[in-house]
PDB file of N, CA and C in Angstrom:
ATOM      1  N   MET A   1     -73.353 -77.428 111.697  1.00  0.00           N
ATOM      2  CA  MET A   1     -73.634 -78.166 112.892  1.00  0.00           C
ATOM      3  C   MET A   1     -72.903 -77.541 114.077  1.00  0.00           C
ATOM      4  N   ALA A   2     -71.654 -77.178 113.856  1.00  0.00           N
ATOM      5  CA  ALA A   2     -70.885 -76.559 114.939  1.00  0.00           C
ATOM      6  C   ALA A   2     -71.528 -75.254 115.381  1.00  0.00           C
ATOM      7  N   ASN A   3     -72.025 -74.465 114.416  1.00  0.00           N
ATOM      8  CA  ASN A   3     -72.681 -73.202 114.757  1.00  0.00           C
ATOM      9  C   ASN A   3     -73.944 -73.440 115.580  1.00  0.00           C
ATOM     10  N   LEU A   4     -74.722 -74.452 115.196  1.00  0.00           N
ATOM     11  CA  LEU A   4     -75.929 -74.774 115.957  1.00  0.00           C
ATOM     12  C   LEU A   4     -75.579 -75.210 117.373  1.00  0.00           C
ATOM     13  N   ALA A   5     -74.567 -76.036 117.495  1.00  0.00           N
ATOM     14  CA  ALA A   5     -74.157 -76.511 118.813  1.00  0.00           C
ATOM     15  C   ALA A   5     -73.659 -75.362 119.671  1.00  0.00           C
ATOM     16  N   THR A   6     -72.902 -74.460 119.063  1.00  0.00           N
ATOM     17  CA  THR A   6     -72.393 -73.303 119.802  1.00  0.00           C
ATOM     18  C   THR A   6     -73.547 -72.424 120.264  1.00  0.00           C
ATOM     19  N   ALA A   7     -74.473 -72.121 119.366  1.00  0.00           N
ATOM     20  CA  ALA A   7     -75.623 -71.288 119.723  1.00  0.00           C
ATOM     21  C   ALA A   7     -76.454 -71.959 120.810  1.00  0.00           C
ATOM     22  N   TYR A   8     -76.704 -73.232 120.656  1.00  0.00           N
ATOM     23  CA  TYR A   8     -77.488 -73.962 121.650  1.00  0.00           C
ATOM     24  C   TYR A   8     -76.788 -73.942 123.004  1.00  0.00           C
ATOM     25  N   GLY A   9     -75.493 -74.177 122.982  1.00  0.00           N
ATOM     26  CA  GLY A   9     -74.722 -74.191 124.226  1.00  0.00           C
ATOM     27  C   GLY A   9     -74.701 -72.842 124.907  1.00  0.00           C
ATOM     28  N   VAL A  10     -74.560 -71.777 124.124  1.00  0.00           N
ATOM     29  CA  VAL A  10     -74.493 -70.424 124.690  1.00  0.00           C
ATOM     30  C   VAL A  10     -75.864 -69.973 125.167  1.00  0.00           C
ATOM     31  N   GLU A  11     -76.876 -70.120 124.315  1.00  0.00           N
ATOM     32  CA  GLU A  11     -78.215 -69.638 124.660  1.00  0.00           C
ATOM     33  C   GLU A  11     -78.852 -70.448 125.787  1.00  0.00           C
ATOM     34  N   ALA A  12     -78.688 -71.743 125.748  1.00  0.00           N
ATOM     35  CA  ALA A  12     -79.318 -72.594 126.762  1.00  0.00           C
ATOM     36  C   ALA A  12     -78.382 -72.860 127.938  1.00  0.00           C
ATOM     37  N   LYS A  13     -77.156 -72.381 127.810  1.00  0.00           N
ATOM     38  CA  LYS A  13     -76.142 -72.593 128.844  1.00  0.00           C
ATOM     39  C   LYS A  13     -75.986 -74.079 129.170  1.00  0.00           C
ATOM     40  N   ARG A  14     -75.888 -74.858 128.099  1.00  0.00           N
ATOM     41  CA  ARG A  14     -75.707 -76.300 128.243  1.00  0.00           C
ATOM     42  C   ARG A  14     -74.428 -76.717 127.541  1.00  0.00           C
ATOM     43  N   ARG A  15     -73.897 -77.813 127.979  1.00  0.00           N
ATOM     44  CA  ARG A  15     -72.720 -78.368 127.320  1.00  0.00           C
ATOM     45  C   ARG A  15     -73.170 -79.313 126.209  1.00  0.00           C
ATOM     46  N   ILE A  16     -72.419 -79.305 125.145  1.00  0.00           N
ATOM     47  CA  ILE A  16     -72.691 -80.189 124.015  1.00  0.00           C
ATOM     48  C   ILE A  16     -71.625 -81.278 124.000  1.00  0.00           C
ATOM     49  N   ARG A  17     -72.062 -82.519 123.881  1.00  0.00           N
ATOM     50  CA  ARG A  17     -71.141 -83.648 123.736  1.00  0.00           C
ATOM     51  C   ARG A  17     -71.391 -84.300 122.396  1.00  0.00           C
ATOM     52  N   ILE A  18     -70.344 -84.536 121.671  1.00  0.00           N
ATOM     53  CA  ILE A  18     -70.452 -85.224 120.387  1.00  0.00           C
ATOM     54  C   ILE A  18     -69.780 -86.578 120.538  1.00  0.00           C
ATOM     55  N   HIS A  19     -70.541 -87.623 120.261  1.00  0.00           N
ATOM     56  CA  HIS A  19     -70.051 -88.996 120.391  1.00  0.00           C
ATOM     57  C   HIS A  19     -69.687 -89.508 118.996  1.00  0.00           C
ATOM     58  N   THR A  20     -68.454 -89.911 118.811  1.00  0.00           N
ATOM     59  CA  THR A  20     -67.978 -90.397 117.505  1.00  0.00           C
ATOM     60  C   THR A  20     -67.331 -91.773 117.671  1.00  0.00           C
ATOM     61  N   PRO A  21     -68.142 -92.812 117.812  1.00  0.00           N
ATOM     62  CA  PRO A  21     -67.596 -94.135 118.124  1.00  0.00           C
ATOM     63  C   PRO A  21     -66.759 -94.770 117.011  1.00  0.00           C
ATOM     64  N   LEU A  22     -66.880 -94.300 115.799  1.00  0.00           N
ATOM     65  CA  LEU A  22     -66.155 -94.924 114.688  1.00  0.00           C
ATOM     66  C   LEU A  22     -64.914 -94.158 114.260  1.00  0.00           C
ATOM     67  N   ILE A  23     -64.648 -93.035 114.881  1.00  0.00           N
ATOM     68  CA  ILE A  23     -63.611 -92.130 114.391  1.00  0.00           C
ATOM     69  C   ILE A  23     -62.214 -92.752 114.366  1.00  0.00           C
ATOM     70  N   ASP A  24     -61.913 -93.649 115.271  1.00  0.00           N
ATOM     71  CA  ASP A  24     -60.579 -94.249 115.321  1.00  0.00           C
ATOM     72  C   ASP A  24     -60.502 -95.603 114.617  1.00  0.00           C
ATOM     73  N   LEU A  25     -61.578 -95.998 113.948  1.00  0.00           N
ATOM     74  CA  LEU A  25     -61.596 -97.280 113.242  1.00  0.00           C
ATOM     75  C   LEU A  25     -61.232 -97.096 111.773  1.00  0.00           C
ATOM     76  N   THR A  26     -60.639 -98.121 111.186  1.00  0.00           N
ATOM     77  CA  THR A  26     -60.393 -98.104 109.742  1.00  0.00           C
ATOM     78  C   THR A  26     -61.705 -98.425 109.038  1.00  0.00           C
ATOM     79  N   LYS A  27     -61.746 -98.200 107.729  1.00  0.00           N
ATOM     80  CA  LYS A  27     -62.947 -98.546 106.958  1.00  0.00           C
ATOM     81  C   LYS A  27     -63.229-100.041 107.072  1.00  0.00           C
ATOM     82  N   GLY A  28     -62.180-100.843 107.039  1.00  0.00           N
ATOM     83  CA  GLY A  28     -62.353-102.290 107.174  1.00  0.00           C
ATOM     84  C   GLY A  28     -62.958-102.678 108.509  1.00  0.00           C
ATOM     85  N   GLN A  29     -62.507-102.044 109.575  1.00  0.00           N
ATOM     86  CA  GLN A  29     -63.061-102.314 110.902  1.00  0.00           C
ATOM     87  C   GLN A  29     -64.523-101.882 110.986  1.00  0.00           C
ATOM     88  N   ILE A  30     -64.854-100.780 110.325  1.00  0.00           N
ATOM     89  CA  ILE A  30     -66.244-100.315 110.309  1.00  0.00           C
ATOM     90  C   ILE A  30     -67.122-101.321 109.572  1.00  0.00           C
ATOM     91  N   VAL A  31     -66.637-101.834 108.442  1.00  0.00           N
ATOM     92  CA  VAL A  31     -67.385-102.847 107.684  1.00  0.00           C
ATOM     93  C   VAL A  31     -67.570-104.100 108.542  1.00  0.00           C
ATOM     94  N   GLN A  32     -66.520-104.536 109.214  1.00  0.00           N
ATOM     95  CA  GLN A  32     -66.620-105.717 110.078  1.00  0.00           C
ATOM     96  C   GLN A  32     -67.625-105.496 111.204  1.00  0.00           C
ATOM     97  N   ARG A  33     -67.573-104.334 111.821  1.00  0.00           N
ATOM     98  CA  ARG A  33     -68.501-104.039 112.919  1.00  0.00           C
ATOM     99  C   ARG A  33     -69.940-103.994 112.403  1.00  0.00           C
ATOM    100  N   GLY A  34     -70.148-103.341 111.273  1.00  0.00           N
ATOM    101  CA  GLY A  34     -71.488-103.286 110.697  1.00  0.00           C
ATOM    102  C   GLY A  34     -72.018-104.664 110.346  1.00  0.00           C
ATOM    103  N   THR A  35     -71.156-105.503 109.785  1.00  0.00           N
ATOM    104  CA  THR A  35     -71.552-106.869 109.445  1.00  0.00           C
ATOM    105  C   THR A  35     -71.942-107.633 110.707  1.00  0.00           C
ATOM    106  N   ALA A  36     -71.161-107.488 111.758  1.00  0.00           N
ATOM    107  CA  ALA A  36     -71.467-108.157 113.030  1.00  0.00           C
ATOM    108  C   ALA A  36     -72.797-107.673 113.609  1.00  0.00           C
ATOM    109  N   LEU A  37     -73.153-106.429 113.328  1.00  0.00           N
ATOM    110  CA  LEU A  37     -74.416-105.864 113.822  1.00  0.00           C
ATOM    111  C   LEU A  37     -75.596-106.165 112.903  1.00  0.00           C
ATOM    112  N   GLY A  38     -75.324-106.842 111.776  1.00  0.00           N
ATOM    113  CA  GLY A  38     -76.401-107.222 110.864  1.00  0.00           C
ATOM    114  C   GLY A  38     -76.763-106.168 109.833  1.00  0.00           C
ATOM    115  N   ILE A  39     -75.875-105.206 109.591  1.00  0.00           N
ATOM    116  CA  ILE A  39     -76.149-104.180 108.580  1.00  0.00           C
ATOM    117  C   ILE A  39     -76.218-104.835 107.205  1.00  0.00           C
ATOM    118  N   ASP A  40     -77.253-104.514 106.445  1.00  0.00           N
ATOM    119  CA  ASP A  40     -77.385-105.007 105.072  1.00  0.00           C
ATOM    120  C   ASP A  40     -76.728-103.988 104.153  1.00  0.00           C
ATOM    121  N   TYR A  41     -75.462-104.188 103.864  1.00  0.00           N
ATOM    122  CA  TYR A  41     -74.711-103.239 103.051  1.00  0.00           C
ATOM    123  C   TYR A  41     -75.220-103.160 101.617  1.00  0.00           C
ATOM    124  N   ALA A  42     -76.041-104.115 101.185  1.00  0.00           N
ATOM    125  CA  ALA A  42     -76.649-104.037  99.854  1.00  0.00           C
ATOM    126  C   ALA A  42     -77.636-102.873  99.792  1.00  0.00           C
ATOM    127  N   GLN A  43     -78.092-102.412 100.953  1.00  0.00           N
ATOM    128  CA  GLN A  43     -79.045-101.308 101.027  1.00  0.00           C
ATOM    129  C   GLN A  43     -78.360 -99.965 101.252  1.00  0.00           C
ATOM    130  N   THR A  44     -77.035 -99.932 101.180  1.00  0.00           N
ATOM    131  CA  THR A  44     -76.297 -98.689 101.407  1.00  0.00           C
ATOM    132  C   THR A  44     -75.556 -98.276 100.150  1.00  0.00           C
ATOM    133  N   LEU A  45     -75.312 -96.987 100.030  1.00  0.00           N
ATOM    134  CA  LEU A  45     -74.611 -96.437  98.874  1.00  0.00           C
ATOM    135  C   LEU A  45     -73.690 -95.332  99.360  1.00  0.00           C
ATOM    136  N   SER A  46     -72.448 -95.360  98.927  1.00  0.00           N
ATOM    137  CA  SER A  46     -71.469 -94.353  99.334  1.00  0.00           C
ATOM    138  C   SER A  46     -71.101 -93.413  98.198  1.00  0.00           C
ATOM    139  N   CYS A  47     -71.506 -93.727  96.993  1.00  0.00           N
ATOM    140  CA  CYS A  47     -71.080 -93.043  95.772  1.00  0.00           C
ATOM    141  C   CYS A  47     -71.495 -91.572  95.720  1.00  0.00           C
ATOM    142  N   TYR A  48     -70.564 -90.740  95.233  1.00  0.00           N
ATOM    143  CA  TYR A  48     -70.849 -89.318  95.015  1.00  0.00           C
ATOM    144  C   TYR A  48     -71.637 -89.088  93.732  1.00  0.00           C
ATOM    145  N   ASP A  49     -71.552 -90.018  92.784  1.00  0.00           N
ATOM    146  CA  ASP A  49     -72.159 -89.813  91.467  1.00  0.00           C
ATOM    147  C   ASP A  49     -72.797 -91.105  90.952  1.00  0.00           C
ATOM    148  N   PRO A  50     -73.843 -91.596  91.634  1.00  0.00           N
ATOM    149  CA  PRO A  50     -74.458 -92.847  91.196  1.00  0.00           C
ATOM    150  C   PRO A  50     -75.181 -92.686  89.860  1.00  0.00           C
ATOM    151  N   GLY A  51     -75.323 -93.802  89.161  1.00  0.00           N
ATOM    152  CA  GLY A  51     -76.030 -93.800  87.883  1.00  0.00           C
ATOM    153  C   GLY A  51     -77.527 -93.665  88.092  1.00  0.00           C
ATOM    154  N   PRO A  52     -78.273 -93.558  86.993  1.00  0.00           N
ATOM    155  CA  PRO A  52     -79.725 -93.359  87.080  1.00  0.00           C
ATOM    156  C   PRO A  52     -80.460 -94.496  87.802  1.00  0.00           C
ATOM    157  N   GLU A  53     -79.906 -95.706  87.751  1.00  0.00           N
ATOM    158  CA  GLU A  53     -80.549 -96.838  88.430  1.00  0.00           C
ATOM    159  C   GLU A  53     -80.078 -96.978  89.875  1.00  0.00           C
ATOM    160  N   GLY A  54     -79.257 -96.020  90.331  1.00  0.00           N
ATOM    161  CA  GLY A  54     -78.764 -96.070  91.697  1.00  0.00           C
ATOM    162  C   GLY A  54     -77.516 -96.913  91.877  1.00  0.00           C
ATOM    163  N   ARG A  55     -76.889 -97.291  90.777  1.00  0.00           N
ATOM    164  CA  ARG A  55     -75.651 -98.075  90.861  1.00  0.00           C
ATOM    165  C   ARG A  55     -74.470 -97.150  91.135  1.00  0.00           C
ATOM    166  N   ALA A  56     -73.561 -97.610  91.976  1.00  0.00           N
ATOM    167  CA  ALA A  56     -72.366 -96.835  92.306  1.00  0.00           C
ATOM    168  C   ALA A  56     -71.431 -96.777  91.102  1.00  0.00           C
ATOM    169  N   CYS A  57     -70.698 -95.665  90.981  1.00  0.00           N
ATOM    170  CA  CYS A  57     -69.802 -95.495  89.830  1.00  0.00           C
ATOM    171  C   CYS A  57     -68.547 -96.351  89.941  1.00  0.00           C
ATOM    172  N   GLY A  58     -68.085 -96.608  91.164  1.00  0.00           N
ATOM    173  CA  GLY A  58     -66.880 -97.404  91.365  1.00  0.00           C
ATOM    174  C   GLY A  58     -65.588 -96.635  91.160  1.00  0.00           C
ATOM    175  N   GLU A  59     -65.690 -95.364  90.792  1.00  0.00           N
ATOM    176  CA  GLU A  59     -64.508 -94.568  90.459  1.00  0.00           C
ATOM    177  C   GLU A  59     -64.250 -93.404  91.416  1.00  0.00           C
ATOM    178  N   CYS A  60     -65.284 -92.854  92.016  1.00  0.00           N
ATOM    179  CA  CYS A  60     -65.109 -91.671  92.870  1.00  0.00           C
ATOM    180  C   CYS A  60     -64.378 -92.041  94.164  1.00  0.00           C
ATOM    181  N   ASP A  61     -63.933 -91.029  94.885  1.00  0.00           N
ATOM    182  CA  ASP A  61     -63.201 -91.269  96.133  1.00  0.00           C
ATOM    183  C   ASP A  61     -64.016 -92.105  97.121  1.00  0.00           C
ATOM    184  N   ALA A  62     -65.311 -91.817  97.227  1.00  0.00           N
ATOM    185  CA  ALA A  62     -66.148 -92.554  98.175  1.00  0.00           C
ATOM    186  C   ALA A  62     -66.232 -94.029  97.797  1.00  0.00           C
ATOM    187  N   CYS A  63     -66.391 -94.313  96.516  1.00  0.00           N
ATOM    188  CA  CYS A  63     -66.436 -95.709  96.058  1.00  0.00           C
ATOM    189  C   CYS A  63     -65.107 -96.406  96.312  1.00  0.00           C
ATOM    190  N   GLN A  64     -64.020 -95.713  96.018  1.00  0.00           N
ATOM    191  CA  GLN A  64     -62.696 -96.308  96.215  1.00  0.00           C
ATOM    192  C   GLN A  64     -62.441 -96.606  97.694  1.00  0.00           C
ATOM    193  N   LEU A  65     -62.821 -95.690  98.578  1.00  0.00           N
ATOM    194  CA  LEU A  65     -62.668 -95.926 100.018  1.00  0.00           C
ATOM    195  C   LEU A  65     -63.536 -97.093 100.480  1.00  0.00           C
ATOM    196  N   ARG A  66     -64.744 -97.158  99.959  1.00  0.00           N
ATOM    197  CA  ARG A  66     -65.654 -98.254 100.319  1.00  0.00           C
ATOM    198  C   ARG A  66     -65.085 -99.592  99.864  1.00  0.00           C
ATOM    199  N   LEU A  67     -64.659 -99.656  98.610  1.00  0.00           N
ATOM    200  CA  LEU A  67     -64.103-100.901  98.084  1.00  0.00           C
ATOM    201  C   LEU A  67     -62.867-101.331  98.870  1.00  0.00           C
ATOM    202  N   LYS A  68     -62.032-100.368  99.214  1.00  0.00           N
ATOM    203  CA  LYS A  68     -60.833-100.661 100.007  1.00  0.00           C
ATOM    204  C   LYS A  68     -61.225-101.201 101.385  1.00  0.00           C
ATOM    205  N   GLY A  69     -62.246-100.609 101.991  1.00  0.00           N
ATOM    206  CA  GLY A  69     -62.710-101.063 103.299  1.00  0.00           C
ATOM    207  C   GLY A  69     -63.241-102.485 103.265  1.00  0.00           C
ATOM    208  N   PHE A  70     -64.033-102.797 102.250  1.00  0.00           N
ATOM    209  CA  PHE A  70     -64.554-104.159 102.126  1.00  0.00           C
ATOM    210  C   PHE A  70     -63.419-105.145 101.871  1.00  0.00           C
ATOM    211  N   ALA A  71     -62.456-104.756 101.036  1.00  0.00           N
ATOM    212  CA  ALA A  71     -61.302-105.626 100.773  1.00  0.00           C
ATOM    213  C   ALA A  71     -60.510-105.854 102.056  1.00  0.00           C
ATOM    214  N   GLU A  72     -60.299-104.786 102.824  1.00  0.00           N
ATOM    215  CA  GLU A  72     -59.567-104.893 104.091  1.00  0.00           C
ATOM    216  C   GLU A  72     -60.287-105.826 105.060  1.00  0.00           C
ATOM    217  N   ALA A  73     -61.625-105.794 105.027  1.00  0.00           N
ATOM    218  CA  ALA A  73     -62.422-106.640 105.916  1.00  0.00           C
ATOM    219  C   ALA A  73     -62.523-108.072 105.401  1.00  0.00           C
ATOM    220  N   GLY A  74     -62.119-108.301 104.146  1.00  0.00           N
ATOM    221  CA  GLY A  74     -62.227-109.634 103.563  1.00  0.00           C
ATOM    222  C   GLY A  74     -63.656-110.013 103.232  1.00  0.00           C
ATOM    223  N   ILE A  75     -64.463-109.000 102.931  1.00  0.00           N
ATOM    224  CA  ILE A  75     -65.885-109.196 102.643  1.00  0.00           C
ATOM    225  C   ILE A  75     -66.183-108.607 101.270  1.00  0.00           C
ATOM    226  N   SER A  76     -66.989-109.306 100.486  1.00  0.00           N
ATOM    227  CA  SER A  76     -67.377-108.810  99.168  1.00  0.00           C
ATOM    228  C   SER A  76     -68.417-107.702  99.324  1.00  0.00           C
ATOM    229  N   ASP A  77     -68.222-106.597  98.620  1.00  0.00           N
ATOM    230  CA  ASP A  77     -69.171-105.474  98.678  1.00  0.00           C
ATOM    231  C   ASP A  77     -70.415-105.844  97.874  1.00  0.00           C
ATOM    232  N   PRO A  78     -71.583-105.906  98.519  1.00  0.00           N
ATOM    233  CA  PRO A  78     -72.798-106.295  97.814  1.00  0.00           C
ATOM    234  C   PRO A  78     -73.471-105.162  97.032  1.00  0.00           C
ATOM    235  N   ALA A  79     -72.935-103.959  97.102  1.00  0.00           N
ATOM    236  CA  ALA A  79     -73.554-102.825  96.399  1.00  0.00           C
ATOM    237  C   ALA A  79     -73.455-103.030  94.891  1.00  0.00           C
ATOM    238  N   PRO A  80     -74.485-102.624  94.163  1.00  0.00           N
ATOM    239  CA  PRO A  80     -74.408-102.718  92.701  1.00  0.00           C
ATOM    240  C   PRO A  80     -73.544-101.592  92.135  1.00  0.00           C
ATOM    241  N   TYR A  81     -72.644-101.949  91.244  1.00  0.00           N
ATOM    242  CA  TYR A  81     -71.760-100.983  90.593  1.00  0.00           C
ATOM    243  C   TYR A  81     -72.069-100.944  89.105  1.00  0.00           C
ATOM    244  N   MET A  82     -71.849 -99.785  88.490  1.00  0.00           N
ATOM    245  CA  MET A  82     -72.044 -99.638  87.047  1.00  0.00           C
ATOM    246  C   MET A  82     -70.992-100.453  86.307  1.00  0.00           C
ATOM    247  N   GLU A  83     -71.365-100.918  85.130  1.00  0.00           N
ATOM    248  CA  GLU A  83     -70.419-101.622  84.265  1.00  0.00           C
ATOM    249  C   GLU A  83     -69.418-100.611  83.738  1.00  0.00           C
ATOM    250  N   LYS A  84     -68.144-100.990  83.717  1.00  0.00           N
ATOM    251  CA  LYS A  84     -67.125-100.100  83.165  1.00  0.00           C
ATOM    252  C   LYS A  84     -67.172-100.169  81.644  1.00  0.00           C
ATOM    253  N   ALA A  85     -67.053 -99.001  81.000  1.00  0.00           N
ATOM    254  CA  ALA A  85     -67.027 -98.953  79.533  1.00  0.00           C
ATOM    255  C   ALA A  85     -65.702 -99.527  79.050  1.00  0.00           C
ATOM    256  N   SER A  86     -65.770-100.289  77.966  1.00  0.00           N
ATOM    257  CA  SER A  86     -64.536-100.895  77.436  1.00  0.00           C
ATOM    258  C   SER A  86     -63.783 -99.928  76.575  1.00  0.00           C
TER     259      SER A  86
END
């Protein structure tokens, strides 16, 4: 992306602006903001290695960050997670 922006800026002699409104927010704040905006988090998946039915693994870094964010926001994560093996 950076290479494309650089090429575009140089060839077209235009400035590139990147807007990152969530960069300074915690995961919990992002979850709260999304909830306030009506995001249906049941339709989202953060998992790096979902199961065949599309269920999140609950173990990868992305799942752990997501779960932590929902916990921080005080909201239950509606995403389906795989059952843990006993």
